[in-house]
N, C-alpha and C. Protein backbone atom coordinates (compact mmCIF):
# COMPACT_ATOMS: atom_id res chain seq x y z
N MET A 1 -9.18 -12.25 -27.33
CA MET A 1 -10.36 -11.84 -26.60
C MET A 1 -11.55 -12.65 -27.11
N THR A 2 -12.39 -13.06 -26.19
CA THR A 2 -13.57 -13.86 -26.52
C THR A 2 -14.79 -12.95 -26.65
N THR A 3 -15.66 -13.29 -27.57
CA THR A 3 -16.92 -12.56 -27.75
C THR A 3 -18.05 -13.46 -27.29
N ILE A 4 -18.96 -12.88 -26.51
CA ILE A 4 -20.14 -13.63 -26.06
C ILE A 4 -21.40 -12.86 -26.44
N THR A 5 -22.48 -13.59 -26.58
CA THR A 5 -23.77 -12.98 -26.86
C THR A 5 -24.66 -13.20 -25.64
N VAL A 6 -25.22 -12.12 -25.12
CA VAL A 6 -26.02 -12.20 -23.91
C VAL A 6 -27.36 -11.50 -24.13
N PRO A 7 -28.46 -12.22 -23.96
CA PRO A 7 -29.76 -11.56 -24.06
C PRO A 7 -29.94 -10.61 -22.87
N ILE A 8 -30.48 -9.43 -23.12
CA ILE A 8 -30.74 -8.47 -22.05
C ILE A 8 -32.17 -7.95 -22.16
N THR A 9 -32.65 -7.40 -21.07
CA THR A 9 -34.01 -6.84 -21.06
C THR A 9 -34.01 -5.50 -21.80
N LYS A 10 -35.20 -5.05 -22.16
CA LYS A 10 -35.34 -3.74 -22.80
C LYS A 10 -34.84 -2.64 -21.87
N GLU A 11 -35.12 -2.81 -20.57
CA GLU A 11 -34.68 -1.83 -19.59
C GLU A 11 -33.16 -1.66 -19.60
N LEU A 12 -32.44 -2.79 -19.64
CA LEU A 12 -30.99 -2.71 -19.70
C LEU A 12 -30.51 -2.14 -21.03
N GLU A 13 -31.20 -2.47 -22.10
CA GLU A 13 -30.84 -1.92 -23.40
C GLU A 13 -30.99 -0.40 -23.39
N TYR A 14 -32.08 0.11 -22.79
CA TYR A 14 -32.27 1.56 -22.69
C TYR A 14 -31.18 2.19 -21.83
N PHE A 15 -30.82 1.51 -20.76
CA PHE A 15 -29.76 2.04 -19.89
C PHE A 15 -28.45 2.15 -20.66
N ILE A 16 -28.11 1.10 -21.40
CA ILE A 16 -26.88 1.12 -22.20
C ILE A 16 -26.93 2.26 -23.22
N ASP A 17 -28.05 2.40 -23.90
CA ASP A 17 -28.20 3.48 -24.88
C ASP A 17 -28.05 4.86 -24.24
N GLU A 18 -28.61 5.02 -23.04
CA GLU A 18 -28.47 6.29 -22.33
C GLU A 18 -27.02 6.58 -21.97
N GLU A 19 -26.33 5.56 -21.51
CA GLU A 19 -24.91 5.73 -21.16
C GLU A 19 -24.09 6.10 -22.39
N LEU A 20 -24.36 5.46 -23.49
CA LEU A 20 -23.63 5.79 -24.72
C LEU A 20 -23.95 7.20 -25.18
N ALA A 21 -25.22 7.59 -25.09
CA ALA A 21 -25.63 8.93 -25.52
C ALA A 21 -25.01 10.01 -24.64
N SER A 22 -24.80 9.70 -23.36
CA SER A 22 -24.22 10.69 -22.46
C SER A 22 -22.71 10.80 -22.60
N GLY A 23 -22.13 9.86 -23.34
CA GLY A 23 -20.69 9.91 -23.58
C GLY A 23 -19.85 9.28 -22.48
N THR A 24 -20.48 8.56 -21.55
CA THR A 24 -19.71 7.95 -20.46
C THR A 24 -18.96 6.70 -20.90
N SER A 25 -19.31 6.19 -22.06
CA SER A 25 -18.61 5.00 -22.57
C SER A 25 -18.47 5.12 -24.08
N GLU A 26 -17.42 4.52 -24.60
CA GLU A 26 -17.16 4.63 -26.03
C GLU A 26 -17.92 3.62 -26.87
N SER A 27 -18.34 2.50 -26.23
CA SER A 27 -19.07 1.47 -26.97
C SER A 27 -19.82 0.57 -25.99
N LYS A 28 -20.73 -0.23 -26.53
CA LYS A 28 -21.45 -1.18 -25.69
C LYS A 28 -20.48 -2.16 -25.06
N ALA A 29 -19.54 -2.64 -25.83
CA ALA A 29 -18.56 -3.59 -25.32
C ALA A 29 -17.74 -2.98 -24.20
N HIS A 30 -17.31 -1.74 -24.37
CA HIS A 30 -16.53 -1.06 -23.34
C HIS A 30 -17.35 -0.92 -22.06
N LEU A 31 -18.61 -0.57 -22.19
CA LEU A 31 -19.49 -0.40 -21.05
C LEU A 31 -19.68 -1.72 -20.29
N VAL A 32 -19.88 -2.80 -21.00
CA VAL A 32 -20.07 -4.11 -20.36
C VAL A 32 -18.78 -4.55 -19.68
N ARG A 33 -17.64 -4.37 -20.35
CA ARG A 33 -16.36 -4.73 -19.72
C ARG A 33 -16.14 -3.92 -18.45
N PHE A 34 -16.45 -2.63 -18.49
CA PHE A 34 -16.31 -1.76 -17.33
C PHE A 34 -17.20 -2.27 -16.19
N ALA A 35 -18.45 -2.60 -16.50
CA ALA A 35 -19.38 -3.08 -15.48
C ALA A 35 -18.90 -4.39 -14.85
N LEU A 36 -18.38 -5.29 -15.67
CA LEU A 36 -17.87 -6.56 -15.14
C LEU A 36 -16.64 -6.35 -14.25
N LYS A 37 -15.77 -5.44 -14.65
CA LYS A 37 -14.60 -5.13 -13.81
C LYS A 37 -15.03 -4.55 -12.48
N ARG A 38 -16.02 -3.67 -12.49
CA ARG A 38 -16.54 -3.09 -11.24
C ARG A 38 -17.14 -4.17 -10.36
N LEU A 39 -17.89 -5.10 -10.94
CA LEU A 39 -18.47 -6.18 -10.17
C LEU A 39 -17.38 -7.03 -9.53
N ARG A 40 -16.34 -7.32 -10.29
CA ARG A 40 -15.22 -8.10 -9.75
C ARG A 40 -14.56 -7.37 -8.58
N GLU A 41 -14.36 -6.04 -8.72
CA GLU A 41 -13.78 -5.24 -7.64
C GLU A 41 -14.68 -5.22 -6.41
N GLU A 42 -15.98 -5.08 -6.62
CA GLU A 42 -16.92 -5.05 -5.50
C GLU A 42 -16.92 -6.38 -4.76
N ARG A 43 -16.86 -7.48 -5.48
CA ARG A 43 -16.84 -8.80 -4.84
C ARG A 43 -15.55 -8.99 -4.05
N ALA A 44 -14.43 -8.54 -4.60
CA ALA A 44 -13.15 -8.65 -3.89
C ALA A 44 -13.19 -7.82 -2.61
N LEU A 45 -13.74 -6.62 -2.69
CA LEU A 45 -13.86 -5.77 -1.52
C LEU A 45 -14.77 -6.41 -0.47
N ALA A 46 -15.87 -7.02 -0.90
CA ALA A 46 -16.77 -7.69 0.03
C ALA A 46 -16.06 -8.83 0.75
N ARG A 47 -15.22 -9.58 0.02
CA ARG A 47 -14.47 -10.67 0.65
C ARG A 47 -13.49 -10.13 1.69
N LEU A 48 -12.85 -9.00 1.38
CA LEU A 48 -11.94 -8.39 2.35
C LEU A 48 -12.69 -7.92 3.59
N GLN A 49 -13.86 -7.33 3.39
CA GLN A 49 -14.66 -6.87 4.52
C GLN A 49 -15.11 -8.04 5.38
N GLU A 50 -15.47 -9.15 4.75
CA GLU A 50 -15.84 -10.35 5.50
C GLU A 50 -14.66 -10.85 6.31
N ALA A 51 -13.48 -10.84 5.72
CA ALA A 51 -12.28 -11.29 6.43
C ALA A 51 -12.00 -10.39 7.62
N GLU A 52 -12.14 -9.08 7.44
CA GLU A 52 -11.94 -8.15 8.55
C GLU A 52 -12.94 -8.41 9.67
N ALA A 53 -14.19 -8.67 9.29
CA ALA A 53 -15.22 -8.96 10.29
C ALA A 53 -14.88 -10.25 11.04
N ASP A 54 -14.39 -11.25 10.32
CA ASP A 54 -13.99 -12.50 10.97
C ASP A 54 -12.87 -12.26 11.97
N ILE A 55 -11.91 -11.46 11.59
CA ILE A 55 -10.78 -11.16 12.49
C ILE A 55 -11.29 -10.44 13.74
N LYS A 56 -12.14 -9.43 13.55
CA LYS A 56 -12.68 -8.69 14.70
C LYS A 56 -13.51 -9.58 15.61
N ALA A 57 -14.19 -10.57 15.04
CA ALA A 57 -15.03 -11.48 15.82
C ALA A 57 -14.25 -12.71 16.30
N SER A 58 -12.94 -12.69 16.12
CA SER A 58 -12.05 -13.79 16.54
C SER A 58 -12.40 -15.11 15.86
N ARG A 59 -12.89 -15.05 14.64
CA ARG A 59 -13.16 -16.27 13.88
C ARG A 59 -11.97 -16.54 12.96
N VAL A 60 -10.82 -16.76 13.58
CA VAL A 60 -9.60 -17.02 12.81
C VAL A 60 -8.89 -18.23 13.40
N TYR A 61 -8.09 -18.87 12.59
CA TYR A 61 -7.29 -20.00 13.01
C TYR A 61 -5.84 -19.61 12.86
N LYS A 62 -5.05 -19.97 13.87
CA LYS A 62 -3.62 -19.68 13.81
C LYS A 62 -2.86 -20.99 13.89
N GLY A 63 -1.78 -21.05 13.17
CA GLY A 63 -0.94 -22.23 13.25
C GLY A 63 -0.57 -22.76 11.88
N ASP A 64 -0.07 -23.96 11.88
CA ASP A 64 0.37 -24.65 10.67
C ASP A 64 -0.86 -25.07 9.86
N LEU A 65 -0.96 -24.62 8.66
CA LEU A 65 -2.12 -24.89 7.82
C LEU A 65 -2.35 -26.39 7.62
N LYS A 66 -1.28 -27.13 7.41
CA LYS A 66 -1.40 -28.58 7.20
C LYS A 66 -1.98 -29.26 8.45
N LYS A 67 -1.55 -28.84 9.61
CA LYS A 67 -2.07 -29.43 10.86
C LYS A 67 -3.53 -29.04 11.07
N LEU A 68 -3.85 -27.80 10.73
CA LEU A 68 -5.25 -27.36 10.89
C LEU A 68 -6.19 -28.14 9.97
N VAL A 69 -5.76 -28.39 8.75
CA VAL A 69 -6.57 -29.13 7.79
C VAL A 69 -6.82 -30.55 8.31
N LYS A 70 -5.82 -31.17 8.90
CA LYS A 70 -5.98 -32.53 9.43
C LYS A 70 -7.00 -32.56 10.56
N ARG A 71 -7.09 -31.50 11.33
CA ARG A 71 -8.04 -31.44 12.46
C ARG A 71 -9.47 -31.37 11.98
N PHE A 72 -9.68 -30.85 10.80
CA PHE A 72 -11.04 -30.68 10.30
C PHE A 72 -11.30 -31.71 9.23
């Protein structure tokens, strides 16, 4: 596992301290890892929603991928 050092604002530091005091996380590292995992999940969900919107709007290509790439 890699360790990184990230400067944060006082506001974020207070938020982290509040979360730790409330018992929602076991450590600062755990809280940051949890937040990053949630961000990754949210981005993946956003990509799926974009894909669904493209399908509904008929912005899709069908056929042989290699042939489609050559056309563009």
